[in-house]
């Protein structure tokens, strides 16, 4: 019973604080966004291009067939941002170290993602 009283007091204090704070009107209007062009559109396009270049740079050193690299570039253009970001992170891993077993696995995952997506 004694353990419930501090919890009850704490609950009542929190409810009172919510009621007092909610009565104050401190609403600040945000500036209106420009609806003509999304503000992040150019940044997203730049990021996609950077990710694609990273992935293709790794594939250029690892894949000998130029036709396969062209197909990979076409496939990269169809992927969503999350997939490109993941593949770019994997290609960073391959580019930094390059010869370890984890890097071979990262290259395998890049290839698998390209084929399966």
PDB file of N, CA and C in Angstrom:
ATOM      1  N   UNK A   1       0.815  -1.181   0.000  1.00  0.00           N
ATOM      2  CA  UNK A   1       0.000   0.000   0.000  1.00  0.00           C
ATOM      3  C   UNK A   1       0.864   1.252   0.000  1.00  0.00           C
ATOM      4  N   UNK A   2       1.959   1.216   0.768  1.00  0.00           N
ATOM      5  CA  UNK A   2       2.842   2.373   0.835  1.00  0.00           C
ATOM      6  C   UNK A   2       3.557   2.606  -0.494  1.00  0.00           C
ATOM      7  N   UNK A   3       3.782   1.538  -1.249  1.00  0.00           N
ATOM      8  CA  UNK A   3       4.457   1.686  -2.540  1.00  0.00           C
ATOM      9  C   UNK A   3       3.548   2.350  -3.561  1.00  0.00           C
ATOM     10  N   UNK A   4       2.262   2.236  -3.384  1.00  0.00           N
ATOM     11  CA  UNK A   4       1.316   2.828  -4.326  1.00  0.00           C
ATOM     12  C   UNK A   4       1.193   4.335  -4.135  1.00  0.00           C
ATOM     13  N   UNK A   5       1.384   4.809  -2.944  1.00  0.00           N
ATOM     14  CA  UNK A   5       1.194   6.229  -2.692  1.00  0.00           C
ATOM     15  C   UNK A   5       2.186   7.113  -3.457  1.00  0.00           C
ATOM     16  N   UNK A   6       3.463   6.788  -3.481  1.00  0.00           N
ATOM     17  CA  UNK A   6       4.363   7.632  -4.288  1.00  0.00           C
ATOM     18  C   UNK A   6       4.011   7.588  -5.779  1.00  0.00           C
ATOM     19  N   UNK A   7       3.595   6.448  -6.274  1.00  0.00           N
ATOM     20  CA  UNK A   7       3.207   6.350  -7.682  1.00  0.00           C
ATOM     21  C   UNK A   7       1.960   7.176  -7.947  1.00  0.00           C
ATOM     22  N   UNK A   8       1.026   7.151  -6.999  1.00  0.00           N
ATOM     23  CA  UNK A   8      -0.192   7.941  -7.150  1.00  0.00           C
ATOM     24  C   UNK A   8       0.135   9.425  -7.138  1.00  0.00           C
ATOM     25  N   UNK A   9       1.009   9.825  -6.238  1.00  0.00           N
ATOM     26  CA  UNK A   9       1.421  11.228  -6.179  1.00  0.00           C
ATOM     27  C   UNK A   9       2.095  11.646  -7.480  1.00  0.00           C
ATOM     28  N   UNK A  10       2.983  10.820  -7.964  1.00  0.00           N
ATOM     29  CA  UNK A  10       3.685  11.124  -9.216  1.00  0.00           C
ATOM     30  C   UNK A  10       2.715  11.233 -10.374  1.00  0.00           C
ATOM     31  N   UNK A  11       1.752  10.349 -10.426  1.00  0.00           N
ATOM     32  CA  UNK A  11       0.747  10.389 -11.481  1.00  0.00           C
ATOM     33  C   UNK A  11      -0.068  11.665 -11.415  1.00  0.00           C
ATOM     34  N   UNK A  12      -0.479  12.058 -10.207  1.00  0.00           N
ATOM     35  CA  UNK A  12      -1.261  13.282 -10.045  1.00  0.00           C
ATOM     36  C   UNK A  12      -0.450  14.521 -10.420  1.00  0.00           C
ATOM     37  N   UNK A  13       0.812  14.540 -10.048  1.00  0.00           N
ATOM     38  CA  UNK A  13       1.675  15.673 -10.414  1.00  0.00           C
ATOM     39  C   UNK A  13       1.829  15.757 -11.927  1.00  0.00           C
ATOM     40  N   UNK A  14       2.037  14.633 -12.582  1.00  0.00           N
ATOM     41  CA  UNK A  14       2.186  14.637 -14.042  1.00  0.00           C
ATOM     42  C   UNK A  14       0.905  15.085 -14.734  1.00  0.00           C
ATOM     43  N   UNK A  15      -0.237  14.645 -14.255  1.00  0.00           N
ATOM     44  CA  UNK A  15      -1.517  15.054 -14.841  1.00  0.00           C
ATOM     45  C   UNK A  15      -1.727  16.552 -14.656  1.00  0.00           C
ATOM     46  N   UNK A  16      -1.398  17.065 -13.450  1.00  0.00           N
ATOM     47  CA  UNK A  16      -1.535  18.499 -13.196  1.00  0.00           C
ATOM     48  C   UNK A  16      -0.622  19.304 -14.116  1.00  0.00           C
ATOM     49  N   UNK A  17       0.591  18.827 -14.318  1.00  0.00           N
ATOM     50  CA  UNK A  17       1.518  19.530 -15.204  1.00  0.00           C
ATOM     51  C   UNK A  17       0.999  19.544 -16.630  1.00  0.00           C
ATOM     52  N   UNK A  18       0.431  18.455 -17.071  1.00  0.00           N
ATOM     53  CA  UNK A  18      -0.114  18.397 -18.424  1.00  0.00           C
ATOM     54  C   UNK A  18      -1.276  19.371 -18.584  1.00  0.00           C
ATOM     55  N   UNK A  19      -2.114  19.467 -17.570  1.00  0.00           N
ATOM     56  CA  UNK A  19      -3.239  20.384 -17.644  1.00  0.00           C
ATOM     57  C   UNK A  19      -2.785  21.836 -17.646  1.00  0.00           C
ATOM     58  N   UNK A  20      -1.784  22.161 -16.844  1.00  0.00           N
ATOM     59  CA  UNK A  20      -1.290  23.540 -16.776  1.00  0.00           C
ATOM     60  C   UNK A  20      -0.579  23.912 -18.072  1.00  0.00           C
ATOM     61  N   UNK A  21       0.258  23.035 -18.569  1.00  0.00           N
ATOM     62  CA  UNK A  21       1.007  23.324 -19.794  1.00  0.00           C
ATOM     63  C   UNK A  21       0.092  23.353 -21.000  1.00  0.00           C
ATOM     64  N   UNK A  22      -0.931  22.526 -21.032  1.00  0.00           N
ATOM     65  CA  UNK A  22      -1.797  22.476 -22.203  1.00  0.00           C
ATOM     66  C   UNK A  22      -2.671  23.717 -22.327  1.00  0.00           C
ATOM     67  N   UNK A  23      -2.901  24.445 -21.205  1.00  0.00           N
ATOM     68  CA  UNK A  23      -3.717  25.644 -21.279  1.00  0.00           C
ATOM     69  C   UNK A  23      -2.979  26.814 -21.906  1.00  0.00           C
ATOM     70  N   UNK A  24      -1.687  26.773 -21.956  1.00  0.00           N
ATOM     71  CA  UNK A  24      -0.916  27.852 -22.561  1.00  0.00           C
ATOM     72  C   UNK A  24      -0.900  27.663 -24.069  1.00  0.00           C
ATOM     73  N   UNK A  25      -1.090  28.743 -24.768  1.00  0.00           N
ATOM     74  CA  UNK A  25      -1.071  28.693 -26.230  1.00  0.00           C
ATOM     75  C   UNK A  25       0.224  29.302 -26.731  1.00  0.00           C
ATOM     76  N   UNK A  26       1.214  28.476 -26.903  1.00  0.00           N
ATOM     77  CA  UNK A  26       2.499  28.918 -27.420  1.00  0.00           C
ATOM     78  C   UNK A  26       2.736  28.279 -28.780  1.00  0.00           C
ATOM     79  N   UNK A  27       1.801  28.431 -29.639  1.00  0.00           N
ATOM     80  CA  UNK A  27       1.909  27.832 -30.958  1.00  0.00           C
ATOM     81  C   UNK A  27       2.586  28.823 -31.887  1.00  0.00           C
ATOM     82  N   UNK A  28       3.646  28.392 -32.507  1.00  0.00           N
ATOM     83  CA  UNK A  28       4.369  29.230 -33.455  1.00  0.00           C
ATOM     84  C   UNK A  28       4.180  28.617 -34.831  1.00  0.00           C
ATOM     85  N   UNK A  29       3.725  29.418 -35.748  1.00  0.00           N
ATOM     86  CA  UNK A  29       3.492  28.918 -37.099  1.00  0.00           C
ATOM     87  C   UNK A  29       4.814  28.779 -37.836  1.00  0.00           C
ATOM     88  N   UNK A  30       4.961  27.672 -38.510  1.00  0.00           N
ATOM     89  CA  UNK A  30       6.151  27.452 -39.316  1.00  0.00           C
ATOM     90  C   UNK A  30       6.023  28.213 -40.624  1.00  0.00           C
ATOM     91  N   UNK A  31       7.142  28.642 -41.195  1.00  0.00           N
ATOM     92  CA  UNK A  31       7.047  29.327 -42.476  1.00  0.00           C
ATOM     93  C   UNK A  31       6.483  28.399 -43.546  1.00  0.00           C
ATOM     94  N   UNK A  32       5.738  28.961 -44.427  1.00  0.00           N
ATOM     95  CA  UNK A  32       5.100  28.156 -45.463  1.00  0.00           C
ATOM     96  C   UNK A  32       6.141  27.651 -46.457  1.00  0.00           C
ATOM     97  N   UNK A  33       6.063  26.391 -46.742  1.00  0.00           N
ATOM     98  CA  UNK A  33       7.017  25.781 -47.659  1.00  0.00           C
ATOM     99  C   UNK A  33       6.639  26.112 -49.099  1.00  0.00           C
ATOM    100  N   UNK A  34       7.655  26.196 -49.934  1.00  0.00           N
ATOM    101  CA  UNK A  34       7.424  26.429 -51.350  1.00  0.00           C
ATOM    102  C   UNK A  34       6.971  25.115 -51.969  1.00  0.00           C
ATOM    103  N   UNK A  35       5.773  25.093 -52.518  1.00  0.00           N
ATOM    104  CA  UNK A  35       5.190  23.855 -53.016  1.00  0.00           C
ATOM    105  C   UNK A  35       5.557  23.558 -54.458  1.00  0.00           C
ATOM    106  N   UNK A  36       6.250  24.464 -55.110  1.00  0.00           N
ATOM    107  CA  UNK A  36       6.586  24.239 -56.520  1.00  0.00           C
ATOM    108  C   UNK A  36       7.624  23.151 -56.692  1.00  0.00           C
ATOM    109  N   UNK A  37       8.665  23.144 -55.873  1.00  0.00           N
ATOM    110  CA  UNK A  37       9.716  22.146 -56.000  1.00  0.00           C
ATOM    111  C   UNK A  37      10.078  21.629 -54.618  1.00  0.00           C
ATOM    112  N   UNK A  38      10.138  20.331 -54.431  1.00  0.00           N
ATOM    113  CA  UNK A  38      10.529  19.810 -53.125  1.00  0.00           C
ATOM    114  C   UNK A  38      11.941  20.274 -52.781  1.00  0.00           C
ATOM    115  N   UNK A  39      12.170  20.701 -51.538  1.00  0.00           N
ATOM    116  CA  UNK A  39      13.472  21.255 -51.185  1.00  0.00           C
ATOM    117  C   UNK A  39      14.609  20.249 -51.233  1.00  0.00           C
ATOM    118  N   UNK A  40      14.309  18.987 -51.077  1.00  0.00           N
ATOM    119  CA  UNK A  40      15.366  17.982 -51.057  1.00  0.00           C
ATOM    120  C   UNK A  40      15.543  17.257 -52.388  1.00  0.00           C
ATOM    121  N   UNK A  41      14.824  17.653 -53.405  1.00  0.00           N
ATOM    122  CA  UNK A  41      14.871  16.925 -54.669  1.00  0.00           C
ATOM    123  C   UNK A  41      16.269  16.936 -55.276  1.00  0.00           C
ATOM    124  N   UNK A  42      16.930  18.082 -55.270  1.00  0.00           N
ATOM    125  CA  UNK A  42      18.260  18.144 -55.873  1.00  0.00           C
ATOM    126  C   UNK A  42      19.269  17.374 -55.030  1.00  0.00           C
ATOM    127  N   UNK A  43      19.127  17.415 -53.702  1.00  0.00           N
ATOM    128  CA  UNK A  43      20.026  16.671 -52.828  1.00  0.00           C
ATOM    129  C   UNK A  43      19.869  15.177 -52.980  1.00  0.00           C
ATOM    130  N   UNK A  44      18.644  14.723 -53.140  1.00  0.00           N
ATOM    131  CA  UNK A  44      18.384  13.289 -53.313  1.00  0.00           C
ATOM    132  C   UNK A  44      18.967  12.810 -54.640  1.00  0.00           C
ATOM    133  N   UNK A  45      18.784  13.602 -55.681  1.00  0.00           N
ATOM    134  CA  UNK A  45      19.329  13.223 -56.992  1.00  0.00           C
ATOM    135  C   UNK A  45      20.853  13.162 -56.932  1.00  0.00           C
ATOM    136  N   UNK A  46      21.448  14.107 -56.223  1.00  0.00           N
ATOM    137  CA  UNK A  46      22.907  14.127 -56.089  1.00  0.00           C
ATOM    138  C   UNK A  46      23.381  12.910 -55.305  1.00  0.00           C
ATOM    139  N   UNK A  47      22.657  12.555 -54.237  1.00  0.00           N
ATOM    140  CA  UNK A  47      23.016  11.379 -53.445  1.00  0.00           C
ATOM    141  C   UNK A  47      22.896  10.109 -54.272  1.00  0.00           C
ATOM    142  N   UNK A  48      21.833   9.984 -55.046  1.00  0.00           N
ATOM    143  CA  UNK A  48      21.656   8.794 -55.895  1.00  0.00           C
ATOM    144  C   UNK A  48      22.804   8.674 -56.888  1.00  0.00           C
ATOM    145  N   UNK A  49      23.206   9.801 -57.467  1.00  0.00           N
ATOM    146  CA  UNK A  49      24.307   9.777 -58.432  1.00  0.00           C
ATOM    147  C   UNK A  49      25.616   9.377 -57.750  1.00  0.00           C
ATOM    148  N   UNK A  50      25.838   9.885 -56.548  1.00  0.00           N
ATOM    149  CA  UNK A  50      27.050   9.545 -55.806  1.00  0.00           C
ATOM    150  C   UNK A  50      27.070   8.066 -55.447  1.00  0.00           C
ATOM    151  N   UNK A  51      25.936   7.535 -54.986  1.00  0.00           N
ATOM    152  CA  UNK A  51      25.853   6.115 -54.656  1.00  0.00           C
ATOM    153  C   UNK A  51      26.112   5.253 -55.883  1.00  0.00           C
ATOM    154  N   UNK A  52      25.519   5.642 -57.003  1.00  0.00           N
ATOM    155  CA  UNK A  52      25.686   4.872 -58.232  1.00  0.00           C
ATOM    156  C   UNK A  52      27.148   4.873 -58.672  1.00  0.00           C
ATOM    157  N   UNK A  53      27.809   6.011 -58.561  1.00  0.00           N
ATOM    158  CA  UNK A  53      29.221   6.084 -58.948  1.00  0.00           C
ATOM    159  C   UNK A  53      30.081   5.200 -58.057  1.00  0.00           C
ATOM    160  N   UNK A  54      29.801   5.162 -56.751  1.00  0.00           N
ATOM    161  CA  UNK A  54      30.562   4.305 -55.843  1.00  0.00           C
ATOM    162  C   UNK A  54      30.416   2.842 -56.224  1.00  0.00           C
ATOM    163  N   UNK A  55      29.188   2.441 -56.491  1.00  0.00           N
ATOM    164  CA  UNK A  55      28.920   1.036 -56.810  1.00  0.00           C
ATOM    165  C   UNK A  55      29.582   0.659 -58.127  1.00  0.00           C
ATOM    166  N   UNK A  56      29.451   1.528 -59.127  1.00  0.00           N
ATOM    167  CA  UNK A  56      30.042   1.229 -60.432  1.00  0.00           C
ATOM    168  C   UNK A  56      31.569   1.231 -60.374  1.00  0.00           C
ATOM    169  N   UNK A  57      32.152   2.054 -59.511  1.00  0.00           N
ATOM    170  CA  UNK A  57      33.611   2.059 -59.378  1.00  0.00           C
ATOM    171  C   UNK A  57      34.113   0.722 -58.841  1.00  0.00           C
ATOM    172  N   UNK A  58      33.389   0.151 -57.890  1.00  0.00           N
ATOM    173  CA  UNK A  58      33.778  -1.159 -57.357  1.00  0.00           C
ATOM    174  C   UNK A  58      33.580  -2.238 -58.412  1.00  0.00           C
ATOM    175  N   UNK A  59      32.457  -2.173 -59.119  1.00  0.00           N
ATOM    176  CA  UNK A  59      32.199  -3.186 -60.144  1.00  0.00           C
ATOM    177  C   UNK A  59      33.192  -3.085 -61.304  1.00  0.00           C
ATOM    178  N   UNK A  60      33.664  -1.887 -61.581  1.00  0.00           N
ATOM    179  CA  UNK A  60      34.623  -1.716 -62.675  1.00  0.00           C
ATOM    180  C   UNK A  60      35.911  -2.484 -62.397  1.00  0.00           C
ATOM    181  N   UNK A  61      36.338  -2.504 -61.140  1.00  0.00           N
ATOM    182  CA  UNK A  61      37.562  -3.217 -60.782  1.00  0.00           C
ATOM    183  C   UNK A  61      37.352  -4.715 -60.635  1.00  0.00           C
ATOM    184  N   UNK A  62      36.123  -5.131 -60.378  1.00  0.00           N
ATOM    185  CA  UNK A  62      35.867  -6.544 -60.090  1.00  0.00           C
ATOM    186  C   UNK A  62      35.231  -7.313 -61.236  1.00  0.00           C
ATOM    187  N   UNK A  63      34.508  -6.628 -62.127  1.00  0.00           N
ATOM    188  CA  UNK A  63      33.797  -7.308 -63.217  1.00  0.00           C
ATOM    189  C   UNK A  63      34.524  -6.992 -64.525  1.00  0.00           C
ATOM    190  N   UNK A  64      34.945  -8.037 -65.230  1.00  0.00           N
ATOM    191  CA  UNK A  64      35.717  -7.837 -66.447  1.00  0.00           C
ATOM    192  C   UNK A  64      34.834  -7.528 -67.661  1.00  0.00           C
ATOM    193  N   UNK A  65      33.639  -8.057 -67.689  1.00  0.00           N
ATOM    194  CA  UNK A  65      32.751  -7.897 -68.840  1.00  0.00           C
ATOM    195  C   UNK A  65      32.100  -6.513 -68.831  1.00  0.00           C
ATOM    196  N   UNK A  66      32.351  -5.721 -69.872  1.00  0.00           N
ATOM    197  CA  UNK A  66      31.801  -4.360 -69.921  1.00  0.00           C
ATOM    198  C   UNK A  66      30.285  -4.377 -70.133  1.00  0.00           C
ATOM    199  N   UNK A  67      29.764  -5.386 -70.821  1.00  0.00           N
ATOM    200  CA  UNK A  67      28.312  -5.481 -71.019  1.00  0.00           C
ATOM    201  C   UNK A  67      27.596  -5.688 -69.685  1.00  0.00           C
ATOM    202  N   UNK A  68      28.211  -6.453 -68.799  1.00  0.00           N
ATOM    203  CA  UNK A  68      27.630  -6.664 -67.474  1.00  0.00           C
ATOM    204  C   UNK A  68      27.627  -5.382 -66.667  1.00  0.00           C
ATOM    205  N   UNK A  69      28.678  -4.571 -66.808  1.00  0.00           N
ATOM    206  CA  UNK A  69      28.720  -3.289 -66.100  1.00  0.00           C
ATOM    207  C   UNK A  69      27.652  -2.340 -66.625  1.00  0.00           C
ATOM    208  N   UNK A  70      27.395  -2.371 -67.931  1.00  0.00           N
ATOM    209  CA  UNK A  70      26.338  -1.529 -68.511  1.00  0.00           C
ATOM    210  C   UNK A  70      24.971  -1.967 -67.995  1.00  0.00           C
ATOM    211  N   UNK A  71      24.736  -3.279 -67.954  1.00  0.00           N
ATOM    212  CA  UNK A  71      23.473  -3.790 -67.409  1.00  0.00           C
ATOM    213  C   UNK A  71      23.318  -3.425 -65.936  1.00  0.00           C
ATOM    214  N   UNK A  72      24.426  -3.469 -65.193  1.00  0.00           N
ATOM    215  CA  UNK A  72      24.377  -3.098 -63.778  1.00  0.00           C
ATOM    216  C   UNK A  72      24.026  -1.625 -63.625  1.00  0.00           C
ATOM    217  N   UNK A  73      24.582  -0.768 -64.471  1.00  0.00           N
ATOM    218  CA  UNK A  73      24.273   0.663 -64.406  1.00  0.00           C
ATOM    219  C   UNK A  73      22.801   0.915 -64.716  1.00  0.00           C
ATOM    220  N   UNK A  74      22.263   0.195 -65.683  1.00  0.00           N
ATOM    221  CA  UNK A  74      20.841   0.336 -66.006  1.00  0.00           C
ATOM    222  C   UNK A  74      19.973  -0.139 -64.842  1.00  0.00           C
ATOM    223  N   UNK A  75      20.386  -1.224 -64.215  1.00  0.00           N
ATOM    224  CA  UNK A  75      19.625  -1.766 -63.089  1.00  0.00           C
ATOM    225  C   UNK A  75      19.684  -0.830 -61.879  1.00  0.00           C
ATOM    226  N   UNK A  76      20.832  -0.188 -61.652  1.00  0.00           N
ATOM    227  CA  UNK A  76      20.970   0.725 -60.523  1.00  0.00           C
ATOM    228  C   UNK A  76      20.019   1.910 -60.638  1.00  0.00           C
ATOM    229  N   UNK A  77      19.718   2.318 -61.856  1.00  0.00           N
ATOM    230  CA  UNK A  77      18.814   3.448 -62.061  1.00  0.00           C
ATOM    231  C   UNK A  77      17.384   3.111 -61.634  1.00  0.00           C
ATOM    232  N   UNK A  78      17.046   1.840 -61.573  1.00  0.00           N
ATOM    233  CA  UNK A  78      15.681   1.439 -61.218  1.00  0.00           C
ATOM    234  C   UNK A  78      15.494   1.166 -59.726  1.00  0.00           C
ATOM    235  N   UNK A  79      16.586   1.119 -58.959  1.00  0.00           N
ATOM    236  CA  UNK A  79      16.491   0.785 -57.541  1.00  0.00           C
ATOM    237  C   UNK A  79      16.026   1.974 -56.723  1.00  0.00           C
ATOM    238  N   UNK A  80      15.445   1.700 -55.556  1.00  0.00           N
ATOM    239  CA  UNK A  80      15.026   2.798 -54.683  1.00  0.00           C
ATOM    240  C   UNK A  80      16.213   3.296 -53.860  1.00  0.00           C
ATOM    241  N   UNK A  81      16.001   4.384 -53.137  1.00  0.00           N
ATOM    242  CA  UNK A  81      17.085   5.029 -52.396  1.00  0.00           C
ATOM    243  C   UNK A  81      17.666   4.136 -51.319  1.00  0.00           C
ATOM    244  N   UNK A  82      16.821   3.392 -50.629  1.00  0.00           N
ATOM    245  CA  UNK A  82      17.296   2.514 -49.557  1.00  0.00           C
ATOM    246  C   UNK A  82      18.222   1.427 -50.100  1.00  0.00           C
ATOM    247  N   UNK A  83      17.840   0.836 -51.231  1.00  0.00           N
ATOM    248  CA  UNK A  83      18.664  -0.203 -51.831  1.00  0.00           C
ATOM    249  C   UNK A  83      19.993   0.375 -52.312  1.00  0.00           C
ATOM    250  N   UNK A  84      19.948   1.553 -52.924  1.00  0.00           N
ATOM    251  CA  UNK A  84      21.187   2.183 -53.388  1.00  0.00           C
ATOM    252  C   UNK A  84      22.107   2.520 -52.218  1.00  0.00           C
ATOM    253  N   UNK A  85      21.542   3.023 -51.125  1.00  0.00           N
ATOM    254  CA  UNK A  85      22.343   3.375 -49.958  1.00  0.00           C
ATOM    255  C   UNK A  85      23.014   2.139 -49.377  1.00  0.00           C
ATOM    256  N   UNK A  86      22.284   1.026 -49.327  1.00  0.00           N
ATOM    257  CA  UNK A  86      22.851  -0.224 -48.818  1.00  0.00           C
ATOM    258  C   UNK A  86      23.982  -0.712 -49.710  1.00  0.00           C
ATOM    259  N   UNK A  87      23.762  -0.686 -50.996  1.00  0.00           N
ATOM    260  CA  UNK A  87      24.790  -1.154 -51.926  1.00  0.00           C
ATOM    261  C   UNK A  87      26.007  -0.231 -51.909  1.00  0.00           C
ATOM    262  N   UNK A  88      25.797   1.062 -51.722  1.00  0.00           N
ATOM    263  CA  UNK A  88      26.916   2.000 -51.646  1.00  0.00           C
ATOM    264  C   UNK A  88      27.744   1.742 -50.386  1.00  0.00           C
ATOM    265  N   UNK A  89      27.078   1.422 -49.282  1.00  0.00           N
ATOM    266  CA  UNK A  89      27.800   1.103 -48.049  1.00  0.00           C
ATOM    267  C   UNK A  89      28.624  -0.173 -48.228  1.00  0.00           C
ATOM    268  N   UNK A  90      28.055  -1.148 -48.898  1.00  0.00           N
ATOM    269  CA  UNK A  90      28.799  -2.382 -49.173  1.00  0.00           C
ATOM    270  C   UNK A  90      29.980  -2.116 -50.105  1.00  0.00           C
ATOM    271  N   UNK A  91      29.770  -1.269 -51.097  1.00  0.00           N
ATOM    272  CA  UNK A  91      30.862  -0.973 -52.023  1.00  0.00           C
ATOM    273  C   UNK A  91      31.955  -0.153 -51.348  1.00  0.00           C
ATOM    274  N   UNK A  92      31.609   0.682 -50.366  1.00  0.00           N
ATOM    275  CA  UNK A  92      32.632   1.379 -49.582  1.00  0.00           C
ATOM    276  C   UNK A  92      33.505   0.378 -48.853  1.00  0.00           C
ATOM    277  N   UNK A  93      32.875  -0.635 -48.307  1.00  0.00           N
ATOM    278  CA  UNK A  93      33.609  -1.684 -47.595  1.00  0.00           C
ATOM    279  C   UNK A  93      34.579  -2.391 -48.538  1.00  0.00           C
ATOM    280  N   UNK A  94      34.118  -2.729 -49.724  1.00  0.00           N
ATOM    281  CA  UNK A  94      34.970  -3.418 -50.699  1.00  0.00           C
ATOM    282  C   UNK A  94      36.096  -2.500 -51.158  1.00  0.00           C
ATOM    283  N   UNK A  95      35.806  -1.225 -51.368  1.00  0.00           N
ATOM    284  CA  UNK A  95      36.811  -0.293 -51.864  1.00  0.00           C
ATOM    285  C   UNK A  95      37.892  -0.011 -50.819  1.00  0.00           C
ATOM    286  N   UNK A  96      37.539   0.021 -49.534  1.00  0.00           N
ATOM    287  CA  UNK A  96      38.517   0.348 -48.507  1.00  0.00           C
ATOM    288  C   UNK A  96      39.491  -0.783 -48.233  1.00  0.00           C
ATOM    289  N   UNK A  97      38.997  -1.985 -48.089  1.00  0.00           N
ATOM    290  CA  UNK A  97      39.864  -3.104 -47.733  1.00  0.00           C
ATOM    291  C   UNK A  97      40.145  -3.961 -48.956  1.00  0.00           C
ATOM    292  N   UNK A  98      39.118  -4.522 -49.537  1.00  0.00           N
ATOM    293  CA  UNK A  98      39.218  -5.162 -50.832  1.00  0.00           C
ATOM    294  C   UNK A  98      39.564  -6.623 -50.923  1.00  0.00           C
ATOM    295  N   UNK A  99      40.383  -7.180 -50.022  1.00  0.00           N
ATOM    296  CA  UNK A  99      40.847  -8.549 -50.233  1.00  0.00           C
ATOM    297  C   UNK A  99      40.438  -9.535 -49.142  1.00  0.00           C
ATOM    298  N   UNK A 100      39.735  -9.089 -48.152  1.00  0.00           N
ATOM    299  CA  UNK A 100      39.360  -9.977 -47.054  1.00  0.00           C
ATOM    300  C   UNK A 100      38.114 -10.777 -47.367  1.00  0.00           C
ATOM    301  N   UNK A 101      37.824 -11.758 -46.537  1.00  0.00           N
ATOM    302  CA  UNK A 101      36.620 -12.559 -46.743  1.00  0.00           C
ATOM    303  C   UNK A 101      35.332 -11.743 -46.599  1.00  0.00           C
ATOM    304  N   UNK A 102      35.334 -10.779 -45.699  1.00  0.00           N
ATOM    305  CA  UNK A 102      34.147  -9.937 -45.534  1.00  0.00           C
ATOM    306  C   UNK A 102      33.912  -9.089 -46.779  1.00  0.00           C
ATOM    307  N   UNK A 103      34.974  -8.700 -47.437  1.00  0.00           N
ATOM    308  CA  UNK A 103      34.846  -7.900 -48.653  1.00  0.00           C
ATOM    309  C   UNK A 103      34.316  -8.739 -49.811  1.00  0.00           C
ATOM    310  N   UNK A 104      34.722  -9.996 -49.861  1.00  0.00           N
ATOM    311  CA  UNK A 104      34.160 -10.901 -50.863  1.00  0.00           C
ATOM    312  C   UNK A 104      32.675 -11.112 -50.635  1.00  0.00           C
ATOM    313  N   UNK A 105      32.294 -11.210 -49.374  1.00  0.00           N
ATOM    314  CA  UNK A 105      30.882 -11.355 -49.034  1.00  0.00           C
ATOM    315  C   UNK A 105      30.110 -10.082 -49.392  1.00  0.00           C
ATOM    316  N   UNK A 106      30.716  -8.917 -49.145  1.00  0.00           N
ATOM    317  CA  UNK A 106      30.065  -7.655 -49.506  1.00  0.00           C
ATOM    318  C   UNK A 106      29.867  -7.558 -51.016  1.00  0.00           C
ATOM    319  N   UNK A 107      30.858  -7.971 -51.783  1.00  0.00           N
ATOM    320  CA  UNK A 107      30.727  -7.974 -53.243  1.00  0.00           C
ATOM    321  C   UNK A 107      29.652  -8.962 -53.692  1.00  0.00           C
ATOM    322  N   UNK A 108      29.587 -10.110 -53.033  1.00  0.00           N
ATOM    323  CA  UNK A 108      28.540 -11.081 -53.340  1.00  0.00           C
ATOM    324  C   UNK A 108      27.160 -10.495 -53.063  1.00  0.00           C
ATOM    325  N   UNK A 109      27.020  -9.770 -51.951  1.00  0.00           N
ATOM    326  CA  UNK A 109      25.733  -9.155 -51.624  1.00  0.00           C
ATOM    327  C   UNK A 109      25.352  -8.073 -52.635  1.00  0.00           C
ATOM    328  N   UNK A 110      26.319  -7.303 -53.092  1.00  0.00           N
ATOM    329  CA  UNK A 110      26.046  -6.301 -54.131  1.00  0.00           C
ATOM    330  C   UNK A 110      25.524  -6.983 -55.377  1.00  0.00           C
ATOM    331  N   UNK A 111      26.211  -8.052 -55.784  1.00  0.00           N
ATOM    332  CA  UNK A 111      25.801  -8.795 -56.973  1.00  0.00           C
ATOM    333  C   UNK A 111      24.419  -9.406 -56.790  1.00  0.00           C
ATOM    334  N   UNK A 112      24.171  -9.997 -55.640  1.00  0.00           N
ATOM    335  CA  UNK A 112      22.868 -10.610 -55.383  1.00  0.00           C
ATOM    336  C   UNK A 112      21.751  -9.556 -55.397  1.00  0.00           C
ATOM    337  N   UNK A 113      22.009  -8.410 -54.787  1.00  0.00           N
ATOM    338  CA  UNK A 113      20.997  -7.343 -54.794  1.00  0.00           C
ATOM    339  C   UNK A 113      20.720  -6.844 -56.205  1.00  0.00           C
ATOM    340  N   UNK A 114      21.759  -6.765 -57.021  1.00  0.00           N
ATOM    341  CA  UNK A 114      21.551  -6.346 -58.410  1.00  0.00           C
ATOM    342  C   UNK A 114      20.722  -7.367 -59.178  1.00  0.00           C
ATOM    343  N   UNK A 115      21.001  -8.610 -58.976  1.00  0.00           N
ATOM    344  CA  UNK A 115      20.291  -9.658 -59.721  1.00  0.00           C
ATOM    345  C   UNK A 115      18.868  -9.814 -59.239  1.00  0.00           C
ATOM    346  N   UNK A 116      18.655  -9.794 -57.931  1.00  0.00           N
ATOM    347  CA  UNK A 116      17.338 -10.111 -57.382  1.00  0.00           C
ATOM    348  C   UNK A 116      16.372  -8.932 -57.319  1.00  0.00           C
ATOM    349  N   UNK A 117      16.867  -7.737 -57.436  1.00  0.00           N
ATOM    350  CA  UNK A 117      15.926  -6.605 -57.334  1.00  0.00           C
ATOM    351  C   UNK A 117      15.495  -6.094 -58.690  1.00  0.00           C
TER     352      UNK A 117
END
